[in-house]
mmCIF file of all heavy atoms, coordinates in Angstrom:
data_MODEL
# 
_entry.id   MODEL 
# 
loop_
_atom_site.group_PDB 
_atom_site.id 
_atom_site.type_symbol 
_atom_site.label_atom_id 
_atom_site.label_alt_id 
_atom_site.label_comp_id 
_atom_site.label_asym_id 
_atom_site.label_entity_id 
_atom_site.label_seq_id 
_atom_site.pdbx_PDB_ins_code 
_atom_site.Cartn_x 
_atom_site.Cartn_y 
_atom_site.Cartn_z 
_atom_site.occupancy 
_atom_site.B_iso_or_equiv 
_atom_site.pdbx_formal_charge 
_atom_site.auth_seq_id 
_atom_site.auth_comp_id 
_atom_site.auth_asym_id 
_atom_site.auth_atom_id 
_atom_site.pdbx_PDB_model_num 
ATOM 1   N N   . VAL A 1 1  ? -131.018 -38.996 96.366  1.00 0.00 ? 1  VAL A N   1 
ATOM 2   C CA  . VAL A 1 1  ? -131.271 -37.648 96.868  1.00 0.00 ? 1  VAL A CA  1 
ATOM 3   C C   . VAL A 1 1  ? -131.321 -36.672 95.703  1.00 0.00 ? 1  VAL A C   1 
ATOM 4   O O   . VAL A 1 1  ? -130.633 -36.859 94.715  1.00 0.00 ? 1  VAL A O   1 
ATOM 5   C CB  . VAL A 1 1  ? -130.180 -37.144 97.843  1.00 0.00 ? 1  VAL A CB  1 
ATOM 6   C CG1 . VAL A 1 1  ? -130.606 -37.168 99.258  1.00 0.00 ? 1  VAL A CG1 1 
ATOM 7   C CG2 . VAL A 1 1  ? -128.885 -37.825 97.644  1.00 0.00 ? 1  VAL A CG2 1 
ATOM 8   N N   . GLU A 1 2  ? -132.116 -35.651 95.866  1.00 0.00 ? 2  GLU A N   1 
ATOM 9   C CA  . GLU A 1 2  ? -132.141 -34.573 94.883  1.00 0.00 ? 2  GLU A CA  1 
ATOM 10  C C   . GLU A 1 2  ? -131.408 -33.391 95.488  1.00 0.00 ? 2  GLU A C   1 
ATOM 11  O O   . GLU A 1 2  ? -131.664 -33.016 96.632  1.00 0.00 ? 2  GLU A O   1 
ATOM 12  C CB  . GLU A 1 2  ? -133.583 -34.198 94.549  1.00 0.00 ? 2  GLU A CB  1 
ATOM 13  C CG  . GLU A 1 2  ? -134.320 -35.300 93.820  1.00 0.00 ? 2  GLU A CG  1 
ATOM 14  C CD  . GLU A 1 2  ? -135.736 -34.894 93.455  1.00 0.00 ? 2  GLU A CD  1 
ATOM 15  O OE1 . GLU A 1 2  ? -136.040 -33.681 93.459  1.00 0.00 ? 2  GLU A OE1 1 
ATOM 16  O OE2 . GLU A 1 2  ? -136.534 -35.792 93.174  1.00 0.00 ? 2  GLU A OE2 1 
ATOM 17  N N   . ILE A 1 3  ? -130.464 -32.838 94.720  1.00 0.00 ? 3  ILE A N   1 
ATOM 18  C CA  . ILE A 1 3  ? -129.725 -31.670 95.184  1.00 0.00 ? 3  ILE A CA  1 
ATOM 19  C C   . ILE A 1 3  ? -129.659 -30.649 94.059  1.00 0.00 ? 3  ILE A C   1 
ATOM 20  O O   . ILE A 1 3  ? -129.712 -31.007 92.878  1.00 0.00 ? 3  ILE A O   1 
ATOM 21  C CB  . ILE A 1 3  ? -128.297 -32.024 95.669  1.00 0.00 ? 3  ILE A CB  1 
ATOM 22  C CG1 . ILE A 1 3  ? -127.460 -32.613 94.543  1.00 0.00 ? 3  ILE A CG1 1 
ATOM 23  C CG2 . ILE A 1 3  ? -128.343 -32.984 96.834  1.00 0.00 ? 3  ILE A CG2 1 
ATOM 24  C CD1 . ILE A 1 3  ? -125.997 -32.799 94.925  1.00 0.00 ? 3  ILE A CD1 1 
ATOM 25  N N   . PRO A 1 4  ? -129.546 -29.386 94.411  1.00 0.00 ? 4  PRO A N   1 
ATOM 26  C CA  . PRO A 1 4  ? -129.457 -28.350 93.381  1.00 0.00 ? 4  PRO A CA  1 
ATOM 27  C C   . PRO A 1 4  ? -128.201 -28.536 92.513  1.00 0.00 ? 4  PRO A C   1 
ATOM 28  O O   . PRO A 1 4  ? -127.167 -29.007 92.991  1.00 0.00 ? 4  PRO A O   1 
ATOM 29  C CB  . PRO A 1 4  ? -129.365 -27.047 94.181  1.00 0.00 ? 4  PRO A CB  1 
ATOM 30  C CG  . PRO A 1 4  ? -129.812 -27.377 95.560  1.00 0.00 ? 4  PRO A CG  1 
ATOM 31  C CD  . PRO A 1 4  ? -129.537 -28.821 95.765  1.00 0.00 ? 4  PRO A CD  1 
ATOM 32  N N   . GLN A 1 5  ? -128.312 -28.172 91.256  1.00 0.00 ? 5  GLN A N   1 
ATOM 33  C CA  . GLN A 1 5  ? -127.193 -28.317 90.321  1.00 0.00 ? 5  GLN A CA  1 
ATOM 34  C C   . GLN A 1 5  ? -125.940 -27.598 90.814  1.00 0.00 ? 5  GLN A C   1 
ATOM 35  O O   . GLN A 1 5  ? -124.829 -28.099 90.672  1.00 0.00 ? 5  GLN A O   1 
ATOM 36  C CB  . GLN A 1 5  ? -127.585 -27.801 88.926  1.00 0.00 ? 5  GLN A CB  1 
ATOM 37  C CG  . GLN A 1 5  ? -126.527 -28.058 87.869  1.00 0.00 ? 5  GLN A CG  1 
ATOM 38  C CD  . GLN A 1 5  ? -126.283 -29.549 87.643  1.00 0.00 ? 5  GLN A CD  1 
ATOM 39  O OE1 . GLN A 1 5  ? -127.226 -30.320 87.490  1.00 0.00 ? 5  GLN A OE1 1 
ATOM 40  N NE2 . GLN A 1 5  ? -125.020 -29.955 87.625  1.00 0.00 ? 5  GLN A NE2 1 
ATOM 41  N N   . GLU A 1 6  ? -126.117 -26.421 91.399  1.00 0.00 ? 6  GLU A N   1 
ATOM 42  C CA  . GLU A 1 6  ? -124.971 -25.649 91.890  1.00 0.00 ? 6  GLU A CA  1 
ATOM 43  C C   . GLU A 1 6  ? -124.189 -26.434 92.954  1.00 0.00 ? 6  GLU A C   1 
ATOM 44  O O   . GLU A 1 6  ? -122.957 -26.447 92.947  1.00 0.00 ? 6  GLU A O   1 
ATOM 45  C CB  . GLU A 1 6  ? -125.452 -24.317 92.467  1.00 0.00 ? 6  GLU A CB  1 
ATOM 46  C CG  . GLU A 1 6  ? -124.324 -23.450 92.980  1.00 0.00 ? 6  GLU A CG  1 
ATOM 47  C CD  . GLU A 1 6  ? -124.840 -22.131 93.529  1.00 0.00 ? 6  GLU A CD  1 
ATOM 48  O OE1 . GLU A 1 6  ? -125.717 -21.506 92.894  1.00 0.00 ? 6  GLU A OE1 1 
ATOM 49  O OE2 . GLU A 1 6  ? -124.355 -21.729 94.603  1.00 0.00 ? 6  GLU A OE2 1 
ATOM 50  N N   . LEU A 1 7  ? -124.910 -27.108 93.845  1.00 0.00 ? 7  LEU A N   1 
ATOM 51  C CA  . LEU A 1 7  ? -124.264 -27.919 94.877  1.00 0.00 ? 7  LEU A CA  1 
ATOM 52  C C   . LEU A 1 7  ? -123.547 -29.117 94.255  1.00 0.00 ? 7  LEU A C   1 
ATOM 53  O O   . LEU A 1 7  ? -122.425 -29.463 94.644  1.00 0.00 ? 7  LEU A O   1 
ATOM 54  C CB  . LEU A 1 7  ? -125.305 -28.376 95.898  1.00 0.00 ? 7  LEU A CB  1 
ATOM 55  C CG  . LEU A 1 7  ? -124.812 -29.127 97.114  1.00 0.00 ? 7  LEU A CG  1 
ATOM 56  C CD1 . LEU A 1 7  ? -123.792 -28.318 97.898  1.00 0.00 ? 7  LEU A CD1 1 
ATOM 57  C CD2 . LEU A 1 7  ? -125.988 -29.486 98.015  1.00 0.00 ? 7  LEU A CD2 1 
ATOM 58  N N   . LEU A 1 8  ? -124.176 -29.732 93.260  1.00 0.00 ? 8  LEU A N   1 
ATOM 59  C CA  . LEU A 1 8  ? -123.550 -30.856 92.564  1.00 0.00 ? 8  LEU A CA  1 
ATOM 60  C C   . LEU A 1 8  ? -122.287 -30.407 91.832  1.00 0.00 ? 8  LEU A C   1 
ATOM 61  O O   . LEU A 1 8  ? -121.265 -31.101 91.853  1.00 0.00 ? 8  LEU A O   1 
ATOM 62  C CB  . LEU A 1 8  ? -124.544 -31.480 91.587  1.00 0.00 ? 8  LEU A CB  1 
ATOM 63  C CG  . LEU A 1 8  ? -124.077 -32.744 90.877  1.00 0.00 ? 8  LEU A CG  1 
ATOM 64  C CD1 . LEU A 1 8  ? -123.717 -33.842 91.860  1.00 0.00 ? 8  LEU A CD1 1 
ATOM 65  C CD2 . LEU A 1 8  ? -125.150 -33.215 89.911  1.00 0.00 ? 8  LEU A CD2 1 
ATOM 66  N N   . ASP A 1 9  ? -122.334 -29.248 91.212  1.00 0.00 ? 9  ASP A N   1 
ATOM 67  C CA  . ASP A 1 9  ? -121.150 -28.709 90.533  1.00 0.00 ? 9  ASP A CA  1 
ATOM 68  C C   . ASP A 1 9  ? -120.009 -28.483 91.521  1.00 0.00 ? 9  ASP A C   1 
ATOM 69  O O   . ASP A 1 9  ? -118.856 -28.818 91.237  1.00 0.00 ? 9  ASP A O   1 
ATOM 70  C CB  . ASP A 1 9  ? -121.488 -27.405 89.816  1.00 0.00 ? 9  ASP A CB  1 
ATOM 71  C CG  . ASP A 1 9  ? -122.439 -27.604 88.643  1.00 0.00 ? 9  ASP A CG  1 
ATOM 72  O OD1 . ASP A 1 9  ? -122.582 -28.748 88.159  1.00 0.00 ? 9  ASP A OD1 1 
ATOM 73  O OD2 . ASP A 1 9  ? -123.052 -26.601 88.221  1.00 0.00 ? 9  ASP A OD2 1 
ATOM 74  N N   . ASP A 1 10 ? -120.338 -27.935 92.701  1.00 0.00 ? 10 ASP A N   1 
ATOM 75  C CA  . ASP A 1 10 ? -119.320 -27.727 93.732  1.00 0.00 ? 10 ASP A CA  1 
ATOM 76  C C   . ASP A 1 10 ? -118.737 -29.059 94.196  1.00 0.00 ? 10 ASP A C   1 
ATOM 77  O O   . ASP A 1 10 ? -117.524 -29.190 94.367  1.00 0.00 ? 10 ASP A O   1 
ATOM 78  C CB  . ASP A 1 10 ? -119.903 -26.985 94.940  1.00 0.00 ? 10 ASP A CB  1 
ATOM 79  C CG  . ASP A 1 10 ? -120.172 -25.521 94.649  1.00 0.00 ? 10 ASP A CG  1 
ATOM 80  O OD1 . ASP A 1 10 ? -119.680 -25.015 93.623  1.00 0.00 ? 10 ASP A OD1 1 
ATOM 81  O OD2 . ASP A 1 10 ? -120.880 -24.883 95.460  1.00 0.00 ? 10 ASP A OD2 1 
ATOM 82  N N   . LEU A 1 11 ? -119.598 -30.038 94.386  1.00 0.00 ? 11 LEU A N   1 
ATOM 83  C CA  . LEU A 1 11 ? -119.140 -31.366 94.799  1.00 0.00 ? 11 LEU A CA  1 
ATOM 84  C C   . LEU A 1 11 ? -118.193 -31.959 93.763  1.00 0.00 ? 11 LEU A C   1 
ATOM 85  O O   . LEU A 1 11 ? -117.126 -32.487 94.099  1.00 0.00 ? 11 LEU A O   1 
ATOM 86  C CB  . LEU A 1 11 ? -120.349 -32.288 95.003  1.00 0.00 ? 11 LEU A CB  1 
ATOM 87  C CG  . LEU A 1 11 ? -120.041 -33.740 95.359  1.00 0.00 ? 11 LEU A CG  1 
ATOM 88  C CD1 . LEU A 1 11 ? -119.496 -33.830 96.774  1.00 0.00 ? 11 LEU A CD1 1 
ATOM 89  C CD2 . LEU A 1 11 ? -121.275 -34.596 95.203  1.00 0.00 ? 11 LEU A CD2 1 
ATOM 90  N N   . ASP A 1 12 ? -118.577 -31.862 92.506  1.00 0.00 ? 12 ASP A N   1 
ATOM 91  C CA  . ASP A 1 12 ? -117.781 -32.451 91.431  1.00 0.00 ? 12 ASP A CA  1 
ATOM 92  C C   . ASP A 1 12 ? -116.384 -31.835 91.317  1.00 0.00 ? 12 ASP A C   1 
ATOM 93  O O   . ASP A 1 12 ? -115.468 -32.480 90.806  1.00 0.00 ? 12 ASP A O   1 
ATOM 94  C CB  . ASP A 1 12 ? -118.520 -32.338 90.098  1.00 0.00 ? 12 ASP A CB  1 
ATOM 95  C CG  . ASP A 1 12 ? -119.651 -33.340 89.974  1.00 0.00 ? 12 ASP A CG  1 
ATOM 96  O OD1 . ASP A 1 12 ? -119.679 -34.318 90.757  1.00 0.00 ? 12 ASP A OD1 1 
ATOM 97  O OD2 . ASP A 1 12 ? -120.524 -33.147 89.100  1.00 0.00 ? 12 ASP A OD2 1 
ATOM 98  N N   . GLU A 1 13 ? -116.217 -30.624 91.801  1.00 0.00 ? 13 GLU A N   1 
ATOM 99  C CA  . GLU A 1 13 ? -114.884 -30.011 91.777  1.00 0.00 ? 13 GLU A CA  1 
ATOM 100 C C   . GLU A 1 13 ? -113.901 -30.749 92.689  1.00 0.00 ? 13 GLU A C   1 
ATOM 101 O O   . GLU A 1 13 ? -112.691 -30.618 92.538  1.00 0.00 ? 13 GLU A O   1 
ATOM 102 C CB  . GLU A 1 13 ? -114.973 -28.543 92.200  1.00 0.00 ? 13 GLU A CB  1 
ATOM 103 C CG  . GLU A 1 13 ? -115.638 -27.657 91.174  1.00 0.00 ? 13 GLU A CG  1 
ATOM 104 C CD  . GLU A 1 13 ? -115.695 -26.204 91.617  1.00 0.00 ? 13 GLU A CD  1 
ATOM 105 O OE1 . GLU A 1 13 ? -114.947 -25.831 92.548  1.00 0.00 ? 13 GLU A OE1 1 
ATOM 106 O OE2 . GLU A 1 13 ? -116.482 -25.450 91.018  1.00 0.00 ? 13 GLU A OE2 1 
ATOM 107 N N   . HIS A 1 14 ? -114.429 -31.538 93.613  1.00 0.00 ? 14 HIS A N   1 
ATOM 108 C CA  . HIS A 1 14 ? -113.592 -32.258 94.582  1.00 0.00 ? 14 HIS A CA  1 
ATOM 109 C C   . HIS A 1 14 ? -113.506 -33.756 94.282  1.00 0.00 ? 14 HIS A C   1 
ATOM 110 O O   . HIS A 1 14 ? -112.945 -34.516 95.064  1.00 0.00 ? 14 HIS A O   1 
ATOM 111 C CB  . HIS A 1 14 ? -114.145 -32.055 95.999  1.00 0.00 ? 14 HIS A CB  1 
ATOM 112 C CG  . HIS A 1 14 ? -114.178 -30.625 96.399  1.00 0.00 ? 14 HIS A CG  1 
ATOM 113 N ND1 . HIS A 1 14 ? -113.059 -29.938 96.796  1.00 0.00 ? 14 HIS A ND1 1 
ATOM 114 C CD2 . HIS A 1 14 ? -115.205 -29.733 96.440  1.00 0.00 ? 14 HIS A CD2 1 
ATOM 115 C CE1 . HIS A 1 14 ? -113.390 -28.692 97.087  1.00 0.00 ? 14 HIS A CE1 1 
ATOM 116 N NE2 . HIS A 1 14 ? -114.683 -28.539 96.865  1.00 0.00 ? 14 HIS A NE2 1 
ATOM 117 N N   . VAL A 1 15 ? -114.053 -34.181 93.160  1.00 0.00 ? 15 VAL A N   1 
ATOM 118 C CA  . VAL A 1 15 ? -114.106 -35.592 92.795  1.00 0.00 ? 15 VAL A CA  1 
ATOM 119 C C   . VAL A 1 15 ? -113.284 -35.827 91.536  1.00 0.00 ? 15 VAL A C   1 
ATOM 120 O O   . VAL A 1 15 ? -113.257 -35.010 90.634  1.00 0.00 ? 15 VAL A O   1 
ATOM 121 C CB  . VAL A 1 15 ? -115.571 -36.033 92.555  1.00 0.00 ? 15 VAL A CB  1 
ATOM 122 C CG1 . VAL A 1 15 ? -115.632 -37.459 92.036  1.00 0.00 ? 15 VAL A CG1 1 
ATOM 123 C CG2 . VAL A 1 15 ? -116.392 -35.894 93.834  1.00 0.00 ? 15 VAL A CG2 1 
ATOM 124 N N   . GLY A 1 16 ? -112.590 -36.977 91.503  1.00 0.00 ? 16 GLY A N   1 
ATOM 125 C CA  . GLY A 1 16 ? -111.852 -37.358 90.300  1.00 0.00 ? 16 GLY A CA  1 
ATOM 126 C C   . GLY A 1 16 ? -110.360 -37.386 90.530  1.00 0.00 ? 16 GLY A C   1 
ATOM 127 O O   . GLY A 1 16 ? -109.869 -37.296 91.656  1.00 0.00 ? 16 GLY A O   1 
ATOM 128 N N   . ASP A 1 17 ? -109.610 -37.528 89.448  1.00 0.00 ? 17 ASP A N   1 
ATOM 129 C CA  . ASP A 1 17 ? -108.162 -37.682 89.519  1.00 0.00 ? 17 ASP A CA  1 
ATOM 130 C C   . ASP A 1 17 ? -107.474 -36.532 90.250  1.00 0.00 ? 17 ASP A C   1 
ATOM 131 O O   . ASP A 1 17 ? -106.522 -36.751 90.989  1.00 0.00 ? 17 ASP A O   1 
ATOM 132 C CB  . ASP A 1 17 ? -107.565 -37.813 88.112  1.00 0.00 ? 17 ASP A CB  1 
ATOM 133 C CG  . ASP A 1 17 ? -107.991 -39.112 87.439  1.00 0.00 ? 17 ASP A CG  1 
ATOM 134 O OD1 . ASP A 1 17 ? -108.351 -40.067 88.152  1.00 0.00 ? 17 ASP A OD1 1 
ATOM 135 O OD2 . ASP A 1 17 ? -107.972 -39.156 86.194  1.00 0.00 ? 17 ASP A OD2 1 
ATOM 136 N N   . ASP A 1 18 ? -107.939 -35.323 90.058  1.00 0.00 ? 18 ASP A N   1 
ATOM 137 C CA  . ASP A 1 18 ? -107.319 -34.157 90.704  1.00 0.00 ? 18 ASP A CA  1 
ATOM 138 C C   . ASP A 1 18 ? -108.030 -33.748 91.989  1.00 0.00 ? 18 ASP A C   1 
ATOM 139 O O   . ASP A 1 18 ? -107.644 -32.769 92.619  1.00 0.00 ? 18 ASP A O   1 
ATOM 140 C CB  . ASP A 1 18 ? -107.292 -32.970 89.743  1.00 0.00 ? 18 ASP A CB  1 
ATOM 141 C CG  . ASP A 1 18 ? -106.418 -33.245 88.526  1.00 0.00 ? 18 ASP A CG  1 
ATOM 142 O OD1 . ASP A 1 18 ? -105.435 -33.996 88.671  1.00 0.00 ? 18 ASP A OD1 1 
ATOM 143 O OD2 . ASP A 1 18 ? -106.735 -32.717 87.438  1.00 0.00 ? 18 ASP A OD2 1 
ATOM 144 N N   . GLY A 1 19 ? -109.067 -34.488 92.369  1.00 0.00 ? 19 GLY A N   1 
ATOM 145 C CA  . GLY A 1 19 ? -109.858 -34.120 93.539  1.00 0.00 ? 19 GLY A CA  1 
ATOM 146 C C   . GLY A 1 19 ? -109.488 -34.902 94.782  1.00 0.00 ? 19 GLY A C   1 
ATOM 147 O O   . GLY A 1 19 ? -108.593 -35.754 94.780  1.00 0.00 ? 19 GLY A O   1 
ATOM 148 N N   . LYS A 1 20 ? -110.172 -34.607 95.845  1.00 0.00 ? 20 LYS A N   1 
ATOM 149 C CA  . LYS A 1 20 ? -109.932 -35.253 97.131  1.00 0.00 ? 20 LYS A CA  1 
ATOM 150 C C   . LYS A 1 20 ? -110.615 -36.606 97.224  1.00 0.00 ? 20 LYS A C   1 
ATOM 151 O O   . LYS A 1 20 ? -110.266 -37.415 98.076  1.00 0.00 ? 20 LYS A O   1 
ATOM 152 C CB  . LYS A 1 20 ? -110.445 -34.359 98.263  1.00 0.00 ? 20 LYS A CB  1 
ATOM 153 C CG  . LYS A 1 20 ? -109.794 -33.003 98.338  1.00 0.00 ? 20 LYS A CG  1 
ATOM 154 C CD  . LYS A 1 20 ? -110.520 -32.128 99.370  1.00 0.00 ? 20 LYS A CD  1 
ATOM 155 C CE  . LYS A 1 20 ? -110.109 -30.687 99.256  1.00 0.00 ? 20 LYS A CE  1 
ATOM 156 N NZ  . LYS A 1 20 ? -110.767 -29.969 98.169  1.00 0.00 ? 20 LYS A NZ  1 
ATOM 157 N N   . PHE A 1 21 ? -111.628 -36.856 96.388  1.00 0.00 ? 21 PHE A N   1 
ATOM 158 C CA  . PHE A 1 21 ? -112.439 -38.065 96.479  1.00 0.00 ? 21 PHE A CA  1 
ATOM 159 C C   . PHE A 1 21 ? -112.426 -38.827 95.165  1.00 0.00 ? 21 PHE A C   1 
ATOM 160 O O   . PHE A 1 21 ? -112.346 -38.237 94.094  1.00 0.00 ? 21 PHE A O   1 
ATOM 161 C CB  . PHE A 1 21 ? -113.882 -37.715 96.851  1.00 0.00 ? 21 PHE A CB  1 
ATOM 162 C CG  . PHE A 1 21 ? -113.978 -36.945 98.140  1.00 0.00 ? 21 PHE A CG  1 
ATOM 163 C CD1 . PHE A 1 21 ? -114.150 -35.572 98.125  1.00 0.00 ? 21 PHE A CD1 1 
ATOM 164 C CD2 . PHE A 1 21 ? -113.876 -37.586 99.355  1.00 0.00 ? 21 PHE A CD2 1 
ATOM 165 C CE1 . PHE A 1 21 ? -114.232 -34.848 99.303  1.00 0.00 ? 21 PHE A CE1 1 
ATOM 166 C CE2 . PHE A 1 21 ? -113.954 -36.875 100.547 1.00 0.00 ? 21 PHE A CE2 1 
ATOM 167 C CZ  . PHE A 1 21 ? -114.127 -35.501 100.526 1.00 0.00 ? 21 PHE A CZ  1 
ATOM 168 N N   . VAL A 1 22 ? -112.552 -40.136 95.257  1.00 0.00 ? 22 VAL A N   1 
ATOM 169 C CA  . VAL A 1 22 ? -112.535 -41.008 94.082  1.00 0.00 ? 22 VAL A CA  1 
ATOM 170 C C   . VAL A 1 22 ? -113.809 -40.833 93.252  1.00 0.00 ? 22 VAL A C   1 
ATOM 171 O O   . VAL A 1 22 ? -113.767 -40.825 92.026  1.00 0.00 ? 22 VAL A O   1 
ATOM 172 C CB  . VAL A 1 22 ? -112.385 -42.481 94.520  1.00 0.00 ? 22 VAL A CB  1 
ATOM 173 C CG1 . VAL A 1 22 ? -112.479 -43.425 93.338  1.00 0.00 ? 22 VAL A CG1 1 
ATOM 174 C CG2 . VAL A 1 22 ? -111.085 -42.683 95.269  1.00 0.00 ? 22 VAL A CG2 1 
ATOM 175 N N   . ASN A 1 23 ? -114.942 -40.713 93.953  1.00 0.00 ? 23 ASN A N   1 
ATOM 176 C CA  . ASN A 1 23 ? -116.222 -40.589 93.261  1.00 0.00 ? 23 ASN A CA  1 
ATOM 177 C C   . ASN A 1 23 ? -117.213 -39.823 94.145  1.00 0.00 ? 23 ASN A C   1 
ATOM 178 O O   . ASN A 1 23 ? -116.909 -39.496 95.292  1.00 0.00 ? 23 ASN A O   1 
ATOM 179 C CB  . ASN A 1 23 ? -116.777 -41.967 92.867  1.00 0.00 ? 23 ASN A CB  1 
ATOM 180 C CG  . ASN A 1 23 ? -116.860 -42.910 94.055  1.00 0.00 ? 23 ASN A CG  1 
ATOM 181 O OD1 . ASN A 1 23 ? -117.298 -42.523 95.134  1.00 0.00 ? 23 ASN A OD1 1 
ATOM 182 N ND2 . ASN A 1 23 ? -116.430 -44.149 93.862  1.00 0.00 ? 23 ASN A ND2 1 
ATOM 183 N N   . ARG A 1 24 ? -118.373 -39.555 93.609  1.00 0.00 ? 24 ARG A N   1 
ATOM 184 C CA  . ARG A 1 24 ? -119.383 -38.802 94.357  1.00 0.00 ? 24 ARG A CA  1 
ATOM 185 C C   . ARG A 1 24 ? -119.799 -39.528 95.631  1.00 0.00 ? 24 ARG A C   1 
ATOM 186 O O   . ARG A 1 24 ? -119.985 -38.913 96.677  1.00 0.00 ? 24 ARG A O   1 
ATOM 187 C CB  . ARG A 1 24 ? -120.626 -38.570 93.496  1.00 0.00 ? 24 ARG A CB  1 
ATOM 188 C CG  . ARG A 1 24 ? -120.438 -37.536 92.413  1.00 0.00 ? 24 ARG A CG  1 
ATOM 189 C CD  . ARG A 1 24 ? -121.695 -37.457 91.584  1.00 0.00 ? 24 ARG A CD  1 
ATOM 190 N NE  . ARG A 1 24 ? -121.600 -36.401 90.570  1.00 0.00 ? 24 ARG A NE  1 
ATOM 191 C CZ  . ARG A 1 24 ? -122.491 -36.248 89.599  1.00 0.00 ? 24 ARG A CZ  1 
ATOM 192 N NH1 . ARG A 1 24 ? -123.529 -37.067 89.514  1.00 0.00 ? 24 ARG A NH1 1 
ATOM 193 N NH2 . ARG A 1 24 ? -122.342 -35.278 88.721  1.00 0.00 ? 24 ARG A NH2 1 
ATOM 194 N N   . SER A 1 25 ? -119.973 -40.837 95.544  1.00 0.00 ? 25 SER A N   1 
ATOM 195 C CA  . SER A 1 25 ? -120.395 -41.602 96.721  1.00 0.00 ? 25 SER A CA  1 
ATOM 196 C C   . SER A 1 25 ? -119.396 -41.459 97.860  1.00 0.00 ? 25 SER A C   1 
ATOM 197 O O   . SER A 1 25 ? -119.787 -41.283 99.022  1.00 0.00 ? 25 SER A O   1 
ATOM 198 C CB  . SER A 1 25 ? -120.569 -43.084 96.361  1.00 0.00 ? 25 SER A CB  1 
ATOM 199 O OG  . SER A 1 25 ? -121.660 -43.257 95.498  1.00 0.00 ? 25 SER A OG  1 
ATOM 200 N N   . ASP A 1 26 ? -118.129 -41.547 97.526  1.00 0.00 ? 26 ASP A N   1 
ATOM 201 C CA  . ASP A 1 26 ? -117.077 -41.383 98.538  1.00 0.00 ? 26 ASP A CA  1 
ATOM 202 C C   . ASP A 1 26 ? -117.149 -39.997 99.180  1.00 0.00 ? 26 ASP A C   1 
ATOM 203 O O   . ASP A 1 26 ? -117.058 -39.853 100.402 1.00 0.00 ? 26 ASP A O   1 
ATOM 204 C CB  . ASP A 1 26 ? -115.713 -41.607 97.882  1.00 0.00 ? 26 ASP A CB  1 
ATOM 205 C CG  . ASP A 1 26 ? -114.568 -41.587 98.863  1.00 0.00 ? 26 ASP A CG  1 
ATOM 206 O OD1 . ASP A 1 26 ? -114.712 -42.118 99.983  1.00 0.00 ? 26 ASP A OD1 1 
ATOM 207 O OD2 . ASP A 1 26 ? -113.504 -41.045 98.494  1.00 0.00 ? 26 ASP A OD2 1 
# 
């Protein structure tokens, strides 16, 4: 999927060690 960078940046704030999700796919 293609998504705007701003949306991807918002998503990434919730991904990772300090986020709610393990990875983007999750």
